[in-house]
Amino acid sequence: MLLLLIFTASRFQEGQNGRYATSILEQFGVFMALLVSVFVFDFFATRNKLTQKNSFKILLYLVFLAILPMVIMHGNVVFANLFIILALRRILSLRSHREVKKKLFDAAFWIALASLFYFWSILFFVLLFSSLLVYSFTDIKNYIIPLIGIATVLVITVCYRIIMGIDIFEGISHILQYSLDFSTLNTKRVIVGATVMFSFGLWSFFYYLKNIKSKMKSHRPTFKLIAISAIVAIAIVILAPYKNGSEFVFTFAPLAIIITNYIEVISEKWFKESFLWLLVLTPFVALIL
């Protein structure tokens, strides 16, 4: 319900500004992608015991979406993030050491598919290969399988372009574009939202890393991968060629887990509630500014 409210409010606001006029079908597709992202995120976070049994992680994910609602206006980024979350689910499930090759192929396939919608999401291959190291996989075949996943997406894409009569090499010259110019993010909403998110995230990150040693030994690699995914997501924000705020979506899932872990260890009730209220009220403050 909260997601629908955020989605509707964001679309209405942008519609009032005369921007992002899209069809009902496209809007429904973007909303469903967001909804599935939330459910899959909740599933793998709960399944891998990345947080305690509470709703803080989902609340934070939705709060981040409300803080930076421009994410909703860019369907390609929303779909890319959905595929990355699906890949993250498969990567974290490698902890069981069952069906390893299938999971590696699936994860590589999803990341490669995400890169078709938003190229720099390809950086999450760093996370995939990191998982092979932290979960101590030594079979050389496991390092080759992700390449097969990439090749599969590449072949399907080339076949699609040939069938549709699209030049195979069209747009390739723009793929590796990046920008370190952050001037386009110089708006009050983005500045306030990003500052709050990363301030709380950085503060929680130190506690998160410190507390990894206190986790069960079998779960420590999984917590390390969440930290790596946060770093990869920030790298995407830095390298994004067209910075409009939507690129922050890749940080939502790892930051929600990291901050939730910090909230769970806060013993003072008043401080915990203040911490949460500051985050929840940020979208309203950013809207007023």
Protein backbone atom coordinates (compact mmCIF):
# COMPACT_ATOMS: atom_id res chain seq x y z
CA MET A 1 0.00 0.00 0.00
CA LEU A 2 2.83 2.36 0.90
CA LEU A 3 4.58 1.56 -2.38
CA LEU A 4 1.43 2.36 -4.34
CA LEU A 5 1.09 5.67 -2.48
CA ILE A 6 4.72 6.63 -3.21
CA PHE A 7 4.38 5.57 -6.85
CA THR A 8 1.12 7.49 -7.39
CA ALA A 9 2.34 10.63 -5.62
CA SER A 10 5.59 10.67 -7.63
CA ARG A 11 3.80 10.16 -10.95
CA PHE A 12 1.21 12.81 -10.11
CA GLN A 13 3.89 15.35 -9.14
CA GLU A 14 5.86 14.80 -12.34
CA GLY A 15 2.64 14.87 -14.37
CA GLN A 16 1.84 18.26 -12.88
CA ASN A 17 5.25 19.42 -14.08
CA GLY A 18 4.45 18.18 -17.59
CA ARG A 19 7.20 15.55 -17.60
CA TYR A 20 7.38 11.80 -18.10
CA ALA A 21 4.02 11.37 -19.77
CA THR A 22 3.80 7.60 -20.30
CA SER A 23 1.10 5.08 -21.08
CA ILE A 24 -0.92 3.32 -18.40
CA LEU A 25 0.59 0.01 -19.51
CA GLU A 26 4.15 1.30 -19.07
CA GLN A 27 3.34 2.75 -15.66
CA PHE A 28 1.79 -0.56 -14.60
CA GLY A 29 4.93 -2.41 -15.77
CA VAL A 30 7.21 -0.12 -13.76
CA PHE A 31 5.02 -0.46 -10.67
CA MET A 32 5.00 -4.26 -10.93
CA ALA A 33 8.79 -4.27 -11.33
CA LEU A 34 9.07 -2.21 -8.14
CA LEU A 35 6.63 -4.47 -6.32
CA VAL A 36 8.45 -7.66 -7.34
CA SER A 37 11.76 -6.05 -6.35
CA VAL A 38 10.45 -5.41 -2.84
CA PHE A 39 9.11 -8.97 -2.45
CA VAL A 40 12.30 -10.61 -3.75
CA PHE A 41 14.43 -8.34 -1.56
CA ASP A 42 12.37 -9.27 1.51
CA PHE A 43 12.58 -12.96 0.57
CA PHE A 44 16.35 -13.28 0.23
CA ALA A 45 17.06 -11.00 3.22
CA THR A 46 14.81 -13.13 5.43
CA ARG A 47 15.94 -16.45 3.93
CA ASN A 48 19.61 -15.66 4.52
CA LYS A 49 18.94 -14.19 7.98
CA LEU A 50 20.53 -10.89 7.02
CA THR A 51 18.32 -9.14 9.56
CA GLN A 52 16.16 -10.17 12.47
CA LYS A 53 12.46 -10.91 11.97
CA ASN A 54 11.16 -7.37 11.53
CA SER A 55 9.96 -5.02 8.80
CA PHE A 56 12.67 -2.39 9.15
CA LYS A 57 14.44 -3.39 5.93
CA ILE A 58 11.26 -3.06 3.84
CA LEU A 59 10.34 0.22 5.52
CA LEU A 60 13.81 1.62 4.77
CA TYR A 61 13.70 0.42 1.16
CA LEU A 62 10.40 2.24 0.64
CA VAL A 63 11.64 5.33 2.51
CA PHE A 64 14.64 5.52 0.18
CA LEU A 65 12.26 5.30 -2.75
CA ALA A 66 10.23 8.18 -1.29
CA ILE A 67 13.39 10.20 -0.64
CA LEU A 68 14.52 9.84 -4.28
CA PRO A 69 11.26 9.34 -6.23
CA MET A 70 12.94 10.22 -9.53
CA VAL A 71 13.84 6.51 -9.64
CA ILE A 72 10.20 5.78 -10.51
CA MET A 73 10.43 8.07 -13.53
CA HIS A 74 13.11 5.95 -15.21
CA GLY A 75 11.72 2.54 -16.10
CA ASN A 76 15.00 1.25 -17.51
CA VAL A 77 16.73 1.71 -14.15
CA VAL A 78 13.81 0.14 -12.27
CA PHE A 79 13.98 -3.00 -14.44
CA ALA A 80 17.78 -3.12 -14.20
CA ASN A 81 17.51 -2.99 -10.40
CA LEU A 82 14.91 -5.79 -10.43
CA PHE A 83 17.29 -8.04 -12.38
CA ILE A 84 20.16 -7.16 -10.02
CA ILE A 85 18.02 -8.09 -7.01
CA LEU A 86 17.15 -11.40 -8.70
CA ALA A 87 20.88 -11.95 -9.31
CA LEU A 88 21.67 -11.06 -5.69
CA ARG A 89 19.17 -13.66 -4.52
CA ARG A 90 20.98 -16.36 -6.52
CA ILE A 91 24.42 -15.18 -5.45
CA LEU A 92 23.58 -15.30 -1.75
CA SER A 93 22.01 -18.74 -2.14
CA LEU A 94 25.46 -20.06 -3.10
CA ARG A 95 26.06 -20.33 0.66
CA SER A 96 24.33 -23.72 0.61
CA HIS A 97 26.89 -25.07 -1.94
CA ARG A 98 24.01 -26.79 -3.73
CA GLU A 99 23.27 -26.44 -7.46
CA VAL A 100 26.26 -24.11 -7.68
CA LYS A 101 26.62 -24.11 -11.47
CA LYS A 102 22.92 -23.42 -12.03
CA LYS A 103 22.95 -20.53 -9.58
CA LEU A 104 26.09 -19.04 -11.12
CA PHE A 105 24.56 -19.18 -14.58
CA ASP A 106 21.31 -17.61 -13.36
CA ALA A 107 23.12 -14.81 -11.52
CA ALA A 108 25.32 -14.01 -14.54
CA PHE A 109 22.28 -14.12 -16.83
CA TRP A 110 20.35 -11.62 -14.65
CA ILE A 111 23.30 -9.23 -14.34
CA ALA A 112 23.95 -9.33 -18.08
CA LEU A 113 20.24 -8.71 -18.70
CA ALA A 114 20.31 -5.77 -16.27
CA SER A 115 23.24 -4.27 -18.18
CA LEU A 116 21.05 -4.10 -21.30
CA PHE A 117 18.75 -1.73 -19.43
CA TYR A 118 21.47 0.15 -17.54
CA PHE A 119 25.00 -0.66 -18.67
CA TRP A 120 26.94 0.14 -15.50
CA SER A 121 24.96 -2.44 -13.54
CA ILE A 122 27.47 -4.80 -15.18
CA LEU A 123 29.77 -3.89 -12.29
CA PHE A 124 27.81 -6.36 -10.17
CA PHE A 125 29.88 -9.07 -11.83
CA VAL A 126 32.47 -8.01 -9.25
CA LEU A 127 30.03 -9.23 -6.62
CA LEU A 128 29.45 -12.50 -8.46
CA PHE A 129 33.14 -13.34 -8.70
CA SER A 130 33.68 -12.13 -5.11
CA SER A 131 31.10 -14.70 -4.00
CA LEU A 132 33.25 -17.47 -5.48
CA LEU A 133 36.10 -16.31 -3.26
CA VAL A 134 34.21 -15.72 -0.01
CA TYR A 135 32.32 -19.02 -0.33
CA SER A 136 35.63 -20.78 -1.12
CA PHE A 137 34.82 -22.31 -4.51
CA THR A 138 38.00 -23.64 -6.09
CA ASP A 139 36.68 -25.51 -9.16
CA ILE A 140 37.87 -23.53 -12.21
CA LYS A 141 34.62 -24.44 -14.00
CA ASN A 142 32.72 -22.21 -11.59
CA TYR A 143 34.67 -19.21 -12.89
CA ILE A 144 33.82 -20.06 -16.50
CA ILE A 145 30.07 -20.56 -16.08
CA PRO A 146 29.30 -16.83 -15.53
CA LEU A 147 30.94 -16.17 -18.91
CA ILE A 148 28.47 -18.60 -20.47
CA GLY A 149 25.64 -16.63 -18.85
CA ILE A 150 26.97 -13.43 -20.41
CA ALA A 151 27.37 -15.13 -23.80
CA THR A 152 23.78 -16.38 -23.66
CA VAL A 153 22.38 -12.87 -23.19
CA LEU A 154 24.73 -11.57 -25.90
CA VAL A 155 23.58 -14.19 -28.42
CA ILE A 156 19.90 -13.53 -27.66
CA THR A 157 20.45 -9.78 -28.05
CA VAL A 158 22.26 -10.17 -31.37
CA CYS A 159 19.53 -12.50 -32.69
CA TYR A 160 16.84 -10.03 -31.63
CA ARG A 161 18.61 -7.16 -33.42
CA ILE A 162 18.99 -9.21 -36.59
CA ILE A 163 15.32 -10.26 -36.58
CA MET A 164 14.17 -6.67 -35.93
CA GLY A 165 16.51 -5.27 -38.59
CA ILE A 166 18.54 -3.24 -36.08
CA ASP A 167 22.23 -2.64 -36.70
CA ILE A 168 24.14 -5.02 -34.41
CA PHE A 169 26.75 -2.40 -33.59
CA GLU A 170 24.30 0.48 -33.12
CA GLY A 171 24.87 2.28 -29.82
CA ILE A 172 27.95 0.25 -28.87
CA SER A 173 30.19 3.34 -29.01
CA HIS A 174 28.12 4.89 -26.18
CA ILE A 175 28.20 1.87 -23.87
CA LEU A 176 31.35 2.78 -21.95
CA GLN A 177 30.39 6.40 -21.40
CA TYR A 178 30.81 7.68 -17.86
CA SER A 179 30.80 11.03 -16.14
CA LEU A 180 32.27 12.46 -12.95
CA ASP A 181 30.19 15.61 -13.27
CA PHE A 182 27.72 15.77 -10.37
CA SER A 183 26.31 19.20 -11.20
CA THR A 184 23.06 17.69 -12.51
CA LEU A 185 22.39 16.38 -8.98
CA ASN A 186 22.58 19.88 -7.56
CA THR A 187 18.94 20.09 -6.49
CA LYS A 188 17.67 20.48 -2.94
CA ARG A 189 15.74 17.20 -3.03
CA VAL A 190 18.67 15.10 -4.24
CA ILE A 191 21.18 16.83 -1.98
CA VAL A 192 19.03 16.40 1.14
CA GLY A 193 17.99 12.85 0.27
CA ALA A 194 21.44 11.59 -0.73
CA THR A 195 23.09 13.29 2.26
CA VAL A 196 20.70 11.67 4.73
CA MET A 197 20.92 8.25 3.09
CA PHE A 198 24.70 8.15 2.90
CA SER A 199 25.26 9.78 6.30
CA PHE A 200 23.10 7.16 8.00
CA GLY A 201 24.49 4.48 5.71
CA LEU A 202 28.14 5.33 6.40
CA TRP A 203 27.56 5.52 10.15
CA SER A 204 25.81 2.13 10.10
CA PHE A 205 28.43 0.66 7.75
CA PHE A 206 31.20 0.91 10.36
CA TYR A 207 29.04 -0.90 12.93
CA TYR A 208 28.03 -3.43 10.29
CA LEU A 209 31.62 -4.35 9.47
CA LYS A 210 32.51 -4.45 13.16
CA ASN A 211 29.65 -6.81 13.97
CA ILE A 212 30.30 -9.30 11.15
CA LYS A 213 32.66 -11.16 13.47
CA SER A 214 29.80 -11.69 15.92
CA LYS A 215 27.69 -13.48 13.28
CA MET A 216 27.60 -17.24 12.83
CA LYS A 217 30.67 -18.39 10.94
CA SER A 218 28.58 -19.89 8.13
CA HIS A 219 26.75 -16.57 7.62
CA ARG A 220 29.76 -14.22 7.66
CA PRO A 221 30.52 -14.53 3.91
CA THR A 222 26.94 -13.49 3.12
CA PHE A 223 27.23 -10.35 5.25
CA LYS A 224 30.54 -9.55 3.53
CA LEU A 225 28.84 -9.79 0.13
CA ILE A 226 26.21 -7.25 1.19
CA ALA A 227 29.03 -4.84 2.09
CA ILE A 228 30.64 -5.45 -1.32
CA SER A 229 27.31 -4.89 -3.08
CA ALA A 230 26.98 -1.51 -1.34
CA ILE A 231 30.43 -0.50 -2.59
CA VAL A 232 29.60 -1.65 -6.14
CA ALA A 233 26.33 0.33 -6.04
CA ILE A 234 28.17 3.49 -4.97
CA ALA A 235 30.65 2.95 -7.82
CA ILE A 236 27.69 2.91 -10.23
CA VAL A 237 26.46 6.23 -8.80
CA ILE A 238 29.92 7.72 -9.33
CA LEU A 239 30.34 6.45 -12.91
CA ALA A 240 26.77 7.00 -14.16
CA PRO A 241 26.99 8.97 -17.44
CA TYR A 242 23.65 10.76 -16.98
CA LYS A 243 23.18 11.57 -13.32
CA ASN A 244 19.54 12.26 -12.51
CA GLY A 245 19.15 10.55 -9.13
CA SER A 246 17.71 7.30 -10.47
CA GLU A 247 21.12 5.60 -10.32
CA PHE A 248 20.87 5.60 -6.50
CA VAL A 249 18.33 2.76 -6.71
CA PHE A 250 21.12 0.17 -6.71
CA THR A 251 22.12 1.30 -3.21
CA PHE A 252 18.64 0.82 -1.71
CA ALA A 253 18.81 -2.93 -0.97
CA PRO A 254 22.31 -3.09 0.58
CA LEU A 255 21.82 0.14 2.54
CA ALA A 256 18.46 -1.06 3.87
CA ILE A 257 20.12 -4.23 5.20
CA ILE A 258 23.15 -2.39 6.62
CA ILE A 259 21.09 0.28 8.38
CA THR A 260 18.61 -2.31 9.68
CA ASN A 261 21.47 -4.23 11.27
CA TYR A 262 22.52 -1.05 13.06
CA ILE A 263 18.97 -0.28 14.23
CA GLU A 264 18.71 -3.79 15.68
CA VAL A 265 21.73 -3.28 17.96
CA ILE A 266 20.59 0.10 19.33
CA SER A 267 19.67 -0.53 22.95
CA GLU A 268 18.22 2.90 23.79
CA LYS A 269 14.58 2.95 22.68
CA TRP A 270 14.45 6.76 22.33
CA PHE A 271 17.53 6.79 20.10
CA LYS A 272 16.20 3.98 17.92
CA GLU A 273 12.88 5.76 17.44
CA SER A 274 14.60 9.09 16.73
CA PHE A 275 16.86 7.38 14.19
CA LEU A 276 13.86 5.90 12.37
CA TRP A 277 11.76 9.06 12.50
CA LEU A 278 14.57 11.13 11.00
CA LEU A 279 14.65 8.77 8.03
CA VAL A 280 10.86 8.58 7.67
CA LEU A 281 10.44 12.37 7.81
CA THR A 282 13.21 13.08 5.29
CA PRO A 283 10.95 12.65 2.19
CA PHE A 284 8.52 15.23 3.59
CA VAL A 285 11.31 17.67 4.41
CA ALA A 286 12.81 17.25 0.93
CA LEU A 287 9.39 17.84 -0.62
CA ILE A 288 8.92 21.13 1.26
CA LEU A 289 12.35 22.49 0.32
